[in-house]
PDB file of N, CA and C in Angstrom:
ATOM      1  N   MET A   1     193.285 138.322  99.228  1.00  0.00           N
ATOM      2  CA  MET A   1     192.817 136.955  98.769  1.00  0.00           C
ATOM      3  C   MET A   1     193.631 135.685  98.239  1.00  0.00           C
ATOM      4  N   THR A   2     193.160 134.725  98.493  1.00  0.00           N
ATOM      5  CA  THR A   2     193.808 133.286  98.141  1.00  0.00           C
ATOM      6  C   THR A   2     193.671 133.198  97.019  1.00  0.00           C
ATOM      7  N   VAL A   3     194.818 131.990  96.919  1.00  0.00           N
ATOM      8  CA  VAL A   3     194.119 131.456  95.479  1.00  0.00           C
ATOM      9  C   VAL A   3     193.184 130.516  95.194  1.00  0.00           C
ATOM     10  N   LEU A   4     192.545 129.683  96.964  1.00  0.00           N
ATOM     11  CA  LEU A   4     191.056 128.726  96.910  1.00  0.00           C
ATOM     12  C   LEU A   4     189.976 130.079  97.126  1.00  0.00           C
ATOM     13  N   ASP A   5     190.350 131.173  97.569  1.00  0.00           N
ATOM     14  CA  ASP A   5     189.275 132.141  97.641  1.00  0.00           C
ATOM     15  C   ASP A   5     188.931 132.499  95.739  1.00  0.00           C
ATOM     16  N   LEU A   6     190.157 133.193  95.048  1.00  0.00           N
ATOM     17  CA  LEU A   6     190.017 132.933  94.101  1.00  0.00           C
ATOM     18  C   LEU A   6     189.061 131.974  93.022  1.00  0.00           C
ATOM     19  N   THR A   7     189.588 130.684  92.865  1.00  0.00           N
ATOM     20  CA  THR A   7     189.225 129.514  92.257  1.00  0.00           C
ATOM     21  C   THR A   7     187.899 129.452  92.776  1.00  0.00           C
ATOM     22  N   SER A   8     187.310 129.524  94.329  1.00  0.00           N
ATOM     23  CA  SER A   8     186.079 129.502  94.456  1.00  0.00           C
ATOM     24  C   SER A   8     184.715 130.381  93.766  1.00  0.00           C
ATOM     25  N   ALA A   9     185.739 131.653  93.717  1.00  0.00           N
ATOM     26  CA  ALA A   9     184.877 133.047  93.107  1.00  0.00           C
ATOM     27  C   ALA A   9     184.178 132.516  92.123  1.00  0.00           C
ATOM     28  N   VAL A  10     185.506 132.133  91.385  1.00  0.00           N
ATOM     29  CA  VAL A  10     185.462 131.485  89.725  1.00  0.00           C
ATOM     30  C   VAL A  10     184.781 130.550  89.453  1.00  0.00           C
ATOM     31  N   THR A  11     184.618 129.726  89.895  1.00  0.00           N
ATOM     32  CA  THR A  11     183.981 128.627  89.971  1.00  0.00           C
ATOM     33  C   THR A  11     182.113 128.493  90.275  1.00  0.00           C
ATOM     34  N   VAL A  12     182.035 129.331  90.948  1.00  0.00           N
ATOM     35  CA  VAL A  12     180.450 129.922  91.482  1.00  0.00           C
ATOM     36  C   VAL A  12     180.416 131.227  90.662  1.00  0.00           C
ATOM     37  N   GLY A  13     181.085 132.093  89.815  1.00  0.00           N
ATOM     38  CA  GLY A  13     180.913 132.827  88.637  1.00  0.00           C
ATOM     39  C   GLY A  13     180.511 131.722  87.279  1.00  0.00           C
ATOM     40  N   GLY A  14     180.936 130.926  87.361  1.00  0.00           N
ATOM     41  CA  GLY A  14     180.948 129.742  85.867  1.00  0.00           C
ATOM     42  C   GLY A  14     180.020 129.194  86.303  1.00  0.00           C
ATOM     43  N   LEU A  15     179.649 128.971  87.239  1.00  0.00           N
ATOM     44  CA  LEU A  15     178.146 128.563  87.441  1.00  0.00           C
ATOM     45  C   LEU A  15     177.223 128.730  86.881  1.00  0.00           C
ATOM     46  N   PHE A  16     177.204 129.946  87.854  1.00  0.00           N
ATOM     47  CA  PHE A  16     175.909 130.746  87.276  1.00  0.00           C
ATOM     48  C   PHE A  16     175.611 131.557  86.294  1.00  0.00           C
ATOM     49  N   ALA A  17     177.107 132.051  85.546  1.00  0.00           N
ATOM     50  CA  ALA A  17     177.143 131.642  84.195  1.00  0.00           C
ATOM     51  C   ALA A  17     176.345 131.148  82.853  1.00  0.00           C
ATOM     52  N   VAL A  18     176.695 129.517  83.063  1.00  0.00           N
ATOM     53  CA  VAL A  18     176.485 128.368  82.789  1.00  0.00           C
ATOM     54  C   VAL A  18     174.972 128.073  82.834  1.00  0.00           C
ATOM     55  N   GLY A  19     174.317 128.543  84.060  1.00  0.00           N
ATOM     56  CA  GLY A  19     173.131 128.511  84.441  1.00  0.00           C
ATOM     57  C   GLY A  19     172.044 129.221  83.710  1.00  0.00           C
ATOM     58  N   PHE A  20     172.464 130.537  83.535  1.00  0.00           N
ATOM     59  CA  PHE A  20     171.705 131.703  83.194  1.00  0.00           C
ATOM     60  C   PHE A  20     171.992 131.146  81.586  1.00  0.00           C
ATOM     61  N   HIS A  21     172.894 130.805  81.356  1.00  0.00           N
ATOM     62  CA  HIS A  21     172.811 130.421  79.754  1.00  0.00           C
ATOM     63  C   HIS A  21     171.792 129.173  78.910  1.00  0.00           C
ATOM     64  N   LEU A  22     171.940 128.194  80.238  1.00  0.00           N
ATOM     65  CA  LEU A  22     170.777 127.454  79.733  1.00  0.00           C
ATOM     66  C   LEU A  22     169.696 127.714  80.109  1.00  0.00           C
ATOM     67  N   LEU A  23     169.363 128.617  81.226  1.00  0.00           N
ATOM     68  CA  LEU A  23     167.837 129.180  81.027  1.00  0.00           C
ATOM     69  C   LEU A  23     167.536 130.211  79.867  1.00  0.00           C
ATOM     70  N   LEU A  24     168.032 130.555  79.174  1.00  0.00           N
ATOM     71  CA  LEU A  24     167.754 131.162  78.158  1.00  0.00           C
ATOM     72  C   LEU A  24     167.755 130.295  76.854  1.00  0.00           C
ATOM     73  N   GLN A  25     167.713 129.525  76.994  1.00  0.00           N
ATOM     74  CA  GLN A  25     167.312 128.246  75.821  1.00  0.00           C
ATOM     75  C   GLN A  25     166.104 128.290  75.592  1.00  0.00           C
ATOM     76  N   ARG A  26     165.868 127.955  74.630  1.00  0.00           N
ATOM     77  CA  ARG A  26     164.624 127.963  74.224  1.00  0.00           C
ATOM     78  C   ARG A  26     163.880 126.188  74.696  1.00  0.00           C
ATOM     79  N   SER A  27     164.787 124.958  74.840  1.00  0.00           N
ATOM     80  CA  SER A  27     164.709 123.513  74.936  1.00  0.00           C
ATOM     81  C   SER A  27     164.372 124.202  75.946  1.00  0.00           C
ATOM     82  N   LEU A  28     163.245 122.787  76.782  1.00  0.00           N
ATOM     83  CA  LEU A  28     163.084 122.696  77.872  1.00  0.00           C
ATOM     84  C   LEU A  28     163.743 121.973  78.788  1.00  0.00           C
ATOM     85  N   MET A  29     164.371 120.879  78.483  1.00  0.00           N
ATOM     86  CA  MET A  29     165.374 120.191  78.813  1.00  0.00           C
ATOM     87  C   MET A  29     166.548 121.040  79.298  1.00  0.00           C
ATOM     88  N   ARG A  30     166.885 121.769  78.648  1.00  0.00           N
ATOM     89  CA  ARG A  30     168.042 122.777  79.049  1.00  0.00           C
ATOM     90  C   ARG A  30     167.830 123.831  80.110  1.00  0.00           C
ATOM     91  N   LEU A  31     166.332 123.967  79.736  1.00  0.00           N
ATOM     92  CA  LEU A  31     166.019 125.523  80.991  1.00  0.00           C
ATOM     93  C   LEU A  31     166.481 123.852  82.367  1.00  0.00           C
ATOM     94  N   LEU A  32     165.744 123.109  82.165  1.00  0.00           N
ATOM     95  CA  LEU A  32     166.280 122.117  83.698  1.00  0.00           C
ATOM     96  C   LEU A  32     167.568 122.319  84.134  1.00  0.00           C
ATOM     97  N   LEU A  33     168.450 121.835  83.010  1.00  0.00           N
ATOM     98  CA  LEU A  33     169.315 121.705  83.033  1.00  0.00           C
ATOM     99  C   LEU A  33     169.879 123.157  84.031  1.00  0.00           C
ATOM    100  N   GLY A  34     169.660 124.108  83.619  1.00  0.00           N
ATOM    101  CA  GLY A  34     170.044 125.293  83.751  1.00  0.00           C
ATOM    102  C   GLY A  34     169.208 125.459  85.145  1.00  0.00           C
ATOM    103  N   PHE A  35     168.605 125.374  85.666  1.00  0.00           N
ATOM    104  CA  PHE A  35     168.023 125.481  86.619  1.00  0.00           C
ATOM    105  C   PHE A  35     168.448 124.775  87.859  1.00  0.00           C
ATOM    106  N   LEU A  36     169.037 123.513  87.501  1.00  0.00           N
ATOM    107  CA  LEU A  36     169.699 122.424  88.207  1.00  0.00           C
ATOM    108  C   LEU A  36     171.425 123.320  88.209  1.00  0.00           C
ATOM    109  N   VAL A  37     171.687 124.415  87.484  1.00  0.00           N
ATOM    110  CA  VAL A  37     173.228 124.273  87.662  1.00  0.00           C
ATOM    111  C   VAL A  37     173.224 125.306  88.627  1.00  0.00           C
ATOM    112  N   LEU A  38     171.885 126.011  88.673  1.00  0.00           N
ATOM    113  CA  LEU A  38     171.965 127.558  89.242  1.00  0.00           C
ATOM    114  C   LEU A  38     171.712 126.974  90.660  1.00  0.00           C
ATOM    115  N   GLY A  39     170.890 125.969  91.154  1.00  0.00           N
ATOM    116  CA  GLY A  39     171.033 125.443  92.168  1.00  0.00           C
ATOM    117  C   GLY A  39     171.875 125.435  93.011  1.00  0.00           C
ATOM    118  N   HIS A  40     172.787 123.944  92.119  1.00  0.00           N
ATOM    119  CA  HIS A  40     174.048 123.999  92.727  1.00  0.00           C
ATOM    120  C   HIS A  40     175.063 125.125  93.165  1.00  0.00           C
ATOM    121  N   ALA A  41     175.197 126.587  91.894  1.00  0.00           N
ATOM    122  CA  ALA A  41     175.593 127.532  92.280  1.00  0.00           C
ATOM    123  C   ALA A  41     175.496 128.422  93.343  1.00  0.00           C
ATOM    124  N   THR A  42     174.139 128.478  93.529  1.00  0.00           N
ATOM    125  CA  THR A  42     173.221 129.094  94.757  1.00  0.00           C
ATOM    126  C   THR A  42     174.089 128.275  96.308  1.00  0.00           C
ATOM    127  N   ASN A  43     173.890 127.140  96.293  1.00  0.00           N
ATOM    128  CA  ASN A  43     174.156 125.983  97.541  1.00  0.00           C
ATOM    129  C   ASN A  43     175.812 126.156  97.532  1.00  0.00           C
ATOM    130  N   LEU A  44     176.197 126.355  96.589  1.00  0.00           N
ATOM    131  CA  LEU A  44     178.095 126.629  97.031  1.00  0.00           C
ATOM    132  C   LEU A  44     178.244 127.844  97.646  1.00  0.00           C
ATOM    133  N   LEU A  45     177.414 128.694  96.879  1.00  0.00           N
ATOM    134  CA  LEU A  45     177.762 130.434  96.958  1.00  0.00           C
ATOM    135  C   LEU A  45     177.137 130.462  99.123  1.00  0.00           C
ATOM    136  N   VAL A  46     176.563 130.273  99.206  1.00  0.00           N
ATOM    137  CA  VAL A  46     175.847 130.046 100.305  1.00  0.00           C
ATOM    138  C   VAL A  46     176.759 129.408 101.171  1.00  0.00           C
ATOM    139  N   LEU A  47     177.621 128.396 101.280  1.00  0.00           N
ATOM    140  CA  LEU A  47     177.988 127.926 101.879  1.00  0.00           C
ATOM    141  C   LEU A  47     179.806 128.225 101.976  1.00  0.00           C
ATOM    142  N   LEU A  48     179.662 129.037 101.189  1.00  0.00           N
ATOM    143  CA  LEU A  48     181.366 129.858 100.710  1.00  0.00           C
ATOM    144  C   LEU A  48     181.278 130.427 101.704  1.00  0.00           C
ATOM    145  N   ALA A  49     180.166 131.849 101.490  1.00  0.00           N
ATOM    146  CA  ALA A  49     180.318 132.687 101.805  1.00  0.00           C
ATOM    147  C   ALA A  49     180.226 132.535 103.752  1.00  0.00           C
ATOM    148  N   ALA A  50     179.854 130.967 104.263  1.00  0.00           N
ATOM    149  CA  ALA A  50     179.826 130.942 105.761  1.00  0.00           C
ATOM    150  C   ALA A  50     181.084 130.725 106.341  1.00  0.00           C
ATOM    151  N   GLY A  51     182.251 130.993 105.293  1.00  0.00           N
ATOM    152  CA  GLY A  51     183.468 131.122 106.297  1.00  0.00           C
ATOM    153  C   GLY A  51     184.511 129.329 105.903  1.00  0.00           C
ATOM    154  N   PRO A  52     185.499 129.676 106.673  1.00  0.00           N
ATOM    155  CA  PRO A  52     186.182 128.576 106.809  1.00  0.00           C
ATOM    156  C   PRO A  52     186.057 127.697 106.694  1.00  0.00           C
ATOM    157  N   PRO A  53     185.713 125.969 106.413  1.00  0.00           N
ATOM    158  CA  PRO A  53     185.143 124.982 106.995  1.00  0.00           C
ATOM    159  C   PRO A  53     186.059 124.524 108.257  1.00  0.00           C
ATOM    160  N   GLY A  54     185.735 123.701 109.089  1.00  0.00           N
ATOM    161  CA  GLY A  54     186.510 122.608 109.569  1.00  0.00           C
ATOM    162  C   GLY A  54     186.462 123.236 111.505  1.00  0.00           C
ATOM    163  N   ARG A  55     185.796 124.378 111.473  1.00  0.00           N
ATOM    164  CA  ARG A  55     185.482 125.060 112.750  1.00  0.00           C
ATOM    165  C   ARG A  55     184.443 123.691 114.004  1.00  0.00           C
ATOM    166  N   PRO A  56     184.734 123.915 115.282  1.00  0.00           N
ATOM    167  CA  PRO A  56     183.569 122.671 115.917  1.00  0.00           C
ATOM    168  C   PRO A  56     182.396 123.750 115.836  1.00  0.00           C
ATOM    169  N   PRO A  57     181.018 122.713 116.128  1.00  0.00           N
ATOM    170  CA  PRO A  57     180.116 123.957 116.384  1.00  0.00           C
ATOM    171  C   PRO A  57     179.695 124.362 117.092  1.00  0.00           C
ATOM    172  N   VAL A  58     178.359 124.993 117.694  1.00  0.00           N
ATOM    173  CA  VAL A  58     178.454 125.266 118.793  1.00  0.00           C
ATOM    174  C   VAL A  58     178.143 124.742 119.932  1.00  0.00           C
ATOM    175  N   THR A  59     179.084 124.558 121.244  1.00  0.00           N
ATOM    176  CA  THR A  59     179.210 123.794 122.395  1.00  0.00           C
ATOM    177  C   THR A  59     177.974 124.093 123.806  1.00  0.00           C
ATOM    178  N   GLY A  60     178.298 125.372 123.757  1.00  0.00           N
ATOM    179  CA  GLY A  60     177.152 126.040 124.860  1.00  0.00           C
ATOM    180  C   GLY A  60     178.120 125.755 125.749  1.00  0.00           C
ATOM    181  N   LYS A  61     179.814 126.210 126.044  1.00  0.00           N
ATOM    182  CA  LYS A  61     180.701 125.775 127.120  1.00  0.00           C
ATOM    183  C   LYS A  61     181.259 127.851 127.084  1.00  0.00           C
ATOM    184  N   GLY A  62     180.340 128.856 126.513  1.00  0.00           N
ATOM    185  CA  GLY A  62     180.407 129.993 126.993  1.00  0.00           C
ATOM    186  C   GLY A  62     181.794 130.511 126.387  1.00  0.00           C
ATOM    187  N   GLU A  63     182.484 129.459 125.572  1.00  0.00           N
ATOM    188  CA  GLU A  63     183.872 130.398 124.976  1.00  0.00           C
ATOM    189  C   GLU A  63     183.581 131.272 123.739  1.00  0.00           C
ATOM    190  N   ASP A  64     184.755 131.408 123.724  1.00  0.00           N
ATOM    191  CA  ASP A  64     184.286 132.585 122.191  1.00  0.00           C
ATOM    192  C   ASP A  64     183.564 132.442 120.705  1.00  0.00           C
ATOM    193  N   THR A  65     182.828 133.220 121.165  1.00  0.00           N
ATOM    194  CA  THR A  65     181.252 132.599 119.571  1.00  0.00           C
ATOM    195  C   THR A  65     182.261 133.155 118.723  1.00  0.00           C
ATOM    196  N   GLY A  66     183.499 133.615 118.147  1.00  0.00           N
ATOM    197  CA  GLY A  66     184.008 133.597 116.584  1.00  0.00           C
ATOM    198  C   GLY A  66     184.438 132.338 116.342  1.00  0.00           C
ATOM    199  N   ALA A  67     184.653 131.633 117.273  1.00  0.00           N
ATOM    200  CA  ALA A  67     185.943 129.929 116.902  1.00  0.00           C
ATOM    201  C   ALA A  67     184.638 129.353 116.803  1.00  0.00           C
ATOM    202  N   PHE A  68     183.727 129.536 116.752  1.00  0.00           N
ATOM    203  CA  PHE A  68     182.437 128.473 116.497  1.00  0.00           C
ATOM    204  C   PHE A  68     181.756 128.442 115.090  1.00  0.00           C
ATOM    205  N   ALA A  69     181.114 127.215 114.659  1.00  0.00           N
ATOM    206  CA  ALA A  69     181.190 127.409 112.697  1.00  0.00           C
ATOM    207  C   ALA A  69     179.826 127.965 113.250  1.00  0.00           C
ATOM    208  N   ASP A  70     179.130 128.807 111.831  1.00  0.00           N
ATOM    209  CA  ASP A  70     177.494 129.360 112.042  1.00  0.00           C
ATOM    210  C   ASP A  70     177.011 128.006 111.425  1.00  0.00           C
ATOM    211  N   PRO A  71     175.683 127.356 111.582  1.00  0.00           N
ATOM    212  CA  PRO A  71     174.993 126.257 111.548  1.00  0.00           C
ATOM    213  C   PRO A  71     173.909 126.956 110.658  1.00  0.00           C
ATOM    214  N   LEU A  72     173.439 128.678 110.286  1.00  0.00           N
ATOM    215  CA  LEU A  72     172.761 128.633 109.326  1.00  0.00           C
ATOM    216  C   LEU A  72     172.929 128.929 108.302  1.00  0.00           C
ATOM    217  N   PRO A  73     174.176 129.140 107.793  1.00  0.00           N
ATOM    218  CA  PRO A  73     174.485 128.683 106.214  1.00  0.00           C
ATOM    219  C   PRO A  73     174.686 127.386 105.957  1.00  0.00           C
ATOM    220  N   GLN A  74     174.393 126.401 106.793  1.00  0.00           N
ATOM    221  CA  GLN A  74     174.652 124.932 106.593  1.00  0.00           C
ATOM    222  C   GLN A  74     172.698 124.870 106.403  1.00  0.00           C
ATOM    223  N   ALA A  75     172.139 125.523 107.338  1.00  0.00           N
ATOM    224  CA  ALA A  75     170.251 124.904 107.152  1.00  0.00           C
ATOM    225  C   ALA A  75     170.073 125.413 106.170  1.00  0.00           C
ATOM    226  N   MET A  76     170.613 126.832 105.165  1.00  0.00           N
ATOM    227  CA  MET A  76     170.097 127.501 104.371  1.00  0.00           C
ATOM    228  C   MET A  76     170.136 126.692 103.086  1.00  0.00           C
ATOM    229  N   ALA A  77     171.503 125.391 103.194  1.00  0.00           N
ATOM    230  CA  ALA A  77     171.722 125.283 101.776  1.00  0.00           C
ATOM    231  C   ALA A  77     170.834 123.819 102.070  1.00  0.00           C
ATOM    232  N   LEU A  78     170.379 123.160 103.138  1.00  0.00           N
ATOM    233  CA  LEU A  78     169.749 122.045 102.776  1.00  0.00           C
ATOM    234  C   LEU A  78     168.362 122.604 102.804  1.00  0.00           C
ATOM    235  N   THR A  79     167.788 123.720 102.541  1.00  0.00           N
ATOM    236  CA  THR A  79     166.534 124.222 102.862  1.00  0.00           C
ATOM    237  C   THR A  79     166.521 124.334 100.989  1.00  0.00           C
ATOM    238  N   ALA A  80     167.481 125.281 100.480  1.00  0.00           N
ATOM    239  CA  ALA A  80     167.693 125.077  99.154  1.00  0.00           C
ATOM    240  C   ALA A  80     167.913 123.697  98.138  1.00  0.00           C
ATOM    241  N   ILE A  81     168.696 122.858  98.842  1.00  0.00           N
ATOM    242  CA  ILE A  81     168.487 121.428  98.188  1.00  0.00           C
ATOM    243  C   ILE A  81     167.172 121.190  97.770  1.00  0.00           C
ATOM    244  N   VAL A  82     166.482 120.753  99.262  1.00  0.00           N
ATOM    245  CA  VAL A  82     165.136 120.343  98.862  1.00  0.00           C
ATOM    246  C   VAL A  82     164.081 121.306  98.098  1.00  0.00           C
ATOM    247  N   ILE A  83     164.139 122.555  98.475  1.00  0.00           N
ATOM    248  CA  ILE A  83     163.464 123.485  97.488  1.00  0.00           C
ATOM    249  C   ILE A  83     163.763 123.286  95.775  1.00  0.00           C
ATOM    250  N   THR A  84     165.140 123.269  95.310  1.00  0.00           N
ATOM    251  CA  THR A  84     165.519 123.020  94.100  1.00  0.00           C
ATOM    252  C   THR A  84     164.936 121.176  93.801  1.00  0.00           C
ATOM    253  N   PHE A  85     164.833 120.284  94.731  1.00  0.00           N
ATOM    254  CA  PHE A  85     164.977 118.917  94.086  1.00  0.00           C
ATOM    255  C   PHE A  85     163.333 119.506  93.935  1.00  0.00           C
ATOM    256  N   GLY A  86     162.473 119.307  94.476  1.00  0.00           N
ATOM    257  CA  GLY A  86     161.000 119.851  94.790  1.00  0.00           C
ATOM    258  C   GLY A  86     160.699 120.595  92.890  1.00  0.00           C
ATOM    259  N   VAL A  87     161.509 121.622  92.784  1.00  0.00           N
ATOM    260  CA  VAL A  87     160.852 122.232  91.699  1.00  0.00           C
ATOM    261  C   VAL A  87     161.565 121.974  90.156  1.00  0.00           C
ATOM    262  N   SER A  88     162.639 121.142  90.293  1.00  0.00           N
ATOM    263  CA  SER A  88     163.241 120.211  89.699  1.00  0.00           C
ATOM    264  C   SER A  88     162.364 118.772  89.101  1.00  0.00           C
ATOM    265  N   VAL A  89     161.749 118.439  90.142  1.00  0.00           N
ATOM    266  CA  VAL A  89     160.686 117.022  89.850  1.00  0.00           C
ATOM    267  C   VAL A  89     159.739 117.827  89.142  1.00  0.00           C
ATOM    268  N   LEU A  90     158.908 119.011  89.285  1.00  0.00           N
ATOM    269  CA  LEU A  90     158.002 119.928  88.661  1.00  0.00           C
ATOM    270  C   LEU A  90     158.400 120.122  87.153  1.00  0.00           C
ATOM    271  N   LEU A  91     159.904 120.622  87.263  1.00  0.00           N
ATOM    272  CA  LEU A  91     159.810 120.858  85.878  1.00  0.00           C
ATOM    273  C   LEU A  91     160.235 119.775  84.684  1.00  0.00           C
ATOM    274  N   LEU A  92     160.972 118.447  85.465  1.00  0.00           N
ATOM    275  CA  LEU A  92     161.223 116.873  84.747  1.00  0.00           C
ATOM    276  C   LEU A  92     159.445 116.426  84.643  1.00  0.00           C
ATOM    277  N   ALA A  93     158.560 116.971  84.958  1.00  0.00           N
ATOM    278  CA  ALA A  93     157.273 116.085  85.060  1.00  0.00           C
ATOM    279  C   ALA A  93     156.590 117.042  83.746  1.00  0.00           C
ATOM    280  N   LEU A  94     156.864 118.888  83.683  1.00  0.00           N
ATOM    281  CA  LEU A  94     156.365 119.519  82.350  1.00  0.00           C
ATOM    282  C   LEU A  94     157.164 119.242  81.103  1.00  0.00           C
ATOM    283  N   VAL A  95     158.378 118.596  81.140  1.00  0.00           N
ATOM    284  CA  VAL A  95     159.286 118.418  80.282  1.00  0.00           C
ATOM    285  C   VAL A  95     159.019 116.836  79.623  1.00  0.00           C
ATOM    286  N   TYR A  96     158.505 116.202  80.310  1.00  0.00           N
ATOM    287  CA  TYR A  96     157.837 114.281  79.761  1.00  0.00           C
ATOM    288  C   TYR A  96     156.949 115.322  79.296  1.00  0.00           C
ATOM    289  N   ARG A  97     155.853 115.620  79.728  1.00  0.00           N
ATOM    290  CA  ARG A  97     154.271 115.727  79.507  1.00  0.00           C
ATOM    291  C   ARG A  97     154.605 116.554  78.031  1.00  0.00           C
ATOM    292  N   GLY A  98     155.620 117.274  77.946  1.00  0.00           N
ATOM    293  CA  GLY A  98     155.443 118.804  76.815  1.00  0.00           C
ATOM    294  C   GLY A  98     155.375 117.700  75.423  1.00  0.00           C
ATOM    295  N   ARG A  99     156.615 116.796  76.343  1.00  0.00           N
ATOM    296  CA  ARG A  99     157.482 116.072  74.592  1.00  0.00           C
ATOM    297  C   ARG A  99     156.411 115.056  73.991  1.00  0.00           C
ATOM    298  N   GLN A 100     155.648 114.396  75.565  1.00  0.00           N
ATOM    299  CA  GLN A 100     154.677 113.393  75.267  1.00  0.00           C
ATOM    300  C   GLN A 100     153.773 113.919  74.298  1.00  0.00           C
ATOM    301  N   LEU A 101     153.322 114.915  74.615  1.00  0.00           N
ATOM    302  CA  LEU A 101     152.022 115.850  73.748  1.00  0.00           C
ATOM    303  C   LEU A 101     152.794 116.815  72.474  1.00  0.00           C
ATOM    304  N   LEU A 102     154.053 116.969  72.874  1.00  0.00           N
ATOM    305  CA  LEU A 102     154.336 118.032  71.175  1.00  0.00           C
ATOM    306  C   LEU A 102     155.284 116.932  70.493  1.00  0.00           C
ATOM    307  N   GLY A 103     156.108 115.650  70.771  1.00  0.00           N
ATOM    308  CA  GLY A 103     156.730 115.517  70.100  1.00  0.00           C
ATOM    309  C   GLY A 103     158.270 115.891  70.646  1.00  0.00           C
ATOM    310  N   HIS A 104     158.421 116.898  70.884  1.00  0.00           N
ATOM    311  CA  HIS A 104     159.496 118.095  70.935  1.00  0.00           C
ATOM    312  C   HIS A 104     159.417 118.626  71.837  1.00  0.00           C
ATOM    313  N   ASP A 105     160.925 119.098  72.835  1.00  0.00           N
ATOM    314  CA  ASP A 105     160.382 120.467  73.479  1.00  0.00           C
ATOM    315  C   ASP A 105     160.897 121.725  73.345  1.00  0.00           C
ATOM    316  N   GLU A 106     160.878 121.629  72.614  1.00  0.00           N
ATOM    317  CA  GLU A 106     161.076 123.318  72.501  1.00  0.00           C
ATOM    318  C   GLU A 106     159.964 124.103  72.434  1.00  0.00           C
ATOM    319  N   VAL A 107     160.182 125.275  73.102  1.00  0.00           N
ATOM    320  CA  VAL A 107     158.880 126.359  73.130  1.00  0.00           C
ATOM    321  C   VAL A 107     158.944 126.619  72.035  1.00  0.00           C
ATOM    322  N   ARG A 108     157.599 127.354  71.765  1.00  0.00           N
ATOM    323  CA  ARG A 108     156.720 128.117  70.353  1.00  0.00           C
ATOM    324  C   ARG A 108     156.891 129.344  70.677  1.00  0.00           C
ATOM    325  N   ASP A 109     156.844 130.246  69.689  1.00  0.00           N
ATOM    326  CA  ASP A 109     156.659 131.503  70.026  1.00  0.00           C
ATOM    327  C   ASP A 109     154.810 131.496  69.967  1.00  0.00           C
ATOM    328  N   ASP A 110     154.280 132.548  70.890  1.00  0.00           N
ATOM    329  CA  ASP A 110     153.149 132.708  71.308  1.00  0.00           C
ATOM    330  C   ASP A 110     152.606 133.959  70.240  1.00  0.00           C
ATOM    331  N   VAL A 111     151.436 132.856  69.163  1.00  0.00           N
ATOM    332  CA  VAL A 111     151.546 134.384  68.538  1.00  0.00           C
ATOM    333  C   VAL A 111     150.524 135.405  68.330  1.00  0.00           C
ATOM    334  N   GLU A 112     150.103 135.027  69.790  1.00  0.00           N
ATOM    335  CA  GLU A 112     148.935 136.242  69.899  1.00  0.00           C
ATOM    336  C   GLU A 112     149.906 137.618  70.599  1.00  0.00           C
ATOM    337  N   ASP A 113     151.186 137.017  71.204  1.00  0.00           N
ATOM    338  CA  ASP A 113     151.750 138.153  72.316  1.00  0.00           C
ATOM    339  C   ASP A 113     152.141 138.333  71.154  1.00  0.00           C
ATOM    340  N   ARG A 114     152.798 138.503  70.082  1.00  0.00           N
ATOM    341  CA  ARG A 114     153.404 138.839  69.226  1.00  0.00           C
ATOM    342  C   ARG A 114     152.540 139.781  68.284  1.00  0.00           C
ATOM    343  N   ARG A 115     151.212 139.316  67.744  1.00  0.00           N
ATOM    344  CA  ARG A 115     150.525 140.455  67.309  1.00  0.00           C
ATOM    345  C   ARG A 115     150.219 141.428  67.784  1.00  0.00           C
ATOM    346  N   LEU A 116     149.571 141.590  69.365  1.00  0.00           N
ATOM    347  CA  LEU A 116     149.339 142.219  70.515  1.00  0.00           C
ATOM    348  C   LEU A 116     150.404 142.982  70.275  1.00  0.00           C
ATOM    349  N   GLY A 117     152.424 142.821  70.510  1.00  0.00           N
ATOM    350  CA  GLY A 117     153.226 143.422  70.228  1.00  0.00           C
ATOM    351  C   GLY A 117     153.366 144.329  68.854  1.00  0.00           C
ATOM    352  N   GLU A 118     153.028 143.808  67.921  1.00  0.00           N
ATOM    353  CA  GLU A 118     152.731 144.386  66.415  1.00  0.00           C
ATOM    354  C   GLU A 118     152.235 145.631  66.701  1.00  0.00           C
ATOM    355  N   LYS A 119     150.635 145.424  66.976  1.00  0.00           N
ATOM    356  CA  LYS A 119     149.841 146.395  67.223  1.00  0.00           C
ATOM    357  C   LYS A 119     150.182 147.140  68.002  1.00  0.00           C
ATOM    358  N   GLU A 120     150.669 147.440  69.135  1.00  0.00           N
ATOM    359  CA  GLU A 120     151.177 148.205  69.990  1.00  0.00           C
ATOM    360  C   GLU A 120     152.347 149.369  69.587  1.00  0.00           C
ATOM    361  N   ALA A 121     153.396 148.579  68.610  1.00  0.00           N
ATOM    362  CA  ALA A 121     154.415 149.374  68.503  1.00  0.00           C
ATOM    363  C   ALA A 121     153.843 150.106  66.384  1.00  0.00           C
ATOM    364  N   ARG A 122     152.752 149.851  65.952  1.00  0.00           N
ATOM    365  CA  ARG A 122     151.815 150.412  65.130  1.00  0.00           C
ATOM    366  C   ARG A 122     151.336 151.791  65.748  1.00  0.00           C
ATOM    367  N   GLU A 123     150.894 151.539  66.991  1.00  0.00           N
ATOM    368  CA  GLU A 123     150.351 152.852  67.795  1.00  0.00           C
ATOM    369  C   GLU A 123     150.820 153.473  68.224  1.00  0.00           C
ATOM    370  N   ARG A 124     152.488 153.590  68.420  1.00  0.00           N
ATOM    371  CA  ARG A 124     153.133 154.563  68.725  1.00  0.00           C
ATOM    372  C   ARG A 124     153.689 155.489  67.443  1.00  0.00           C
TER     373      ARG A 124
END
């Protein structure tokens, strides 16, 4: 394993850790940022899994197929970018609307869920 591979693996792992940590926060804005970081980490992981960069694309000349770049990871990364953008816009609209209606973006506990959980615990 080269230094570049190790650095890339640590970077992707760090981005996933930060993204999941932000997703577990109660603030909707942090949830949005966590989703964005996870999207970037996933794109980076897909492109790193594609192999080393710099190989030529498929030309159709009947040459050795191992010497060509695989276009599938690049297409998957582009698709993931579009999906991440769409979901991010939806989350941003929800954050804005929640802040506009409530005055804050903190997610509160659902009182009914807590009451049902306590009722279930007493019945056991």
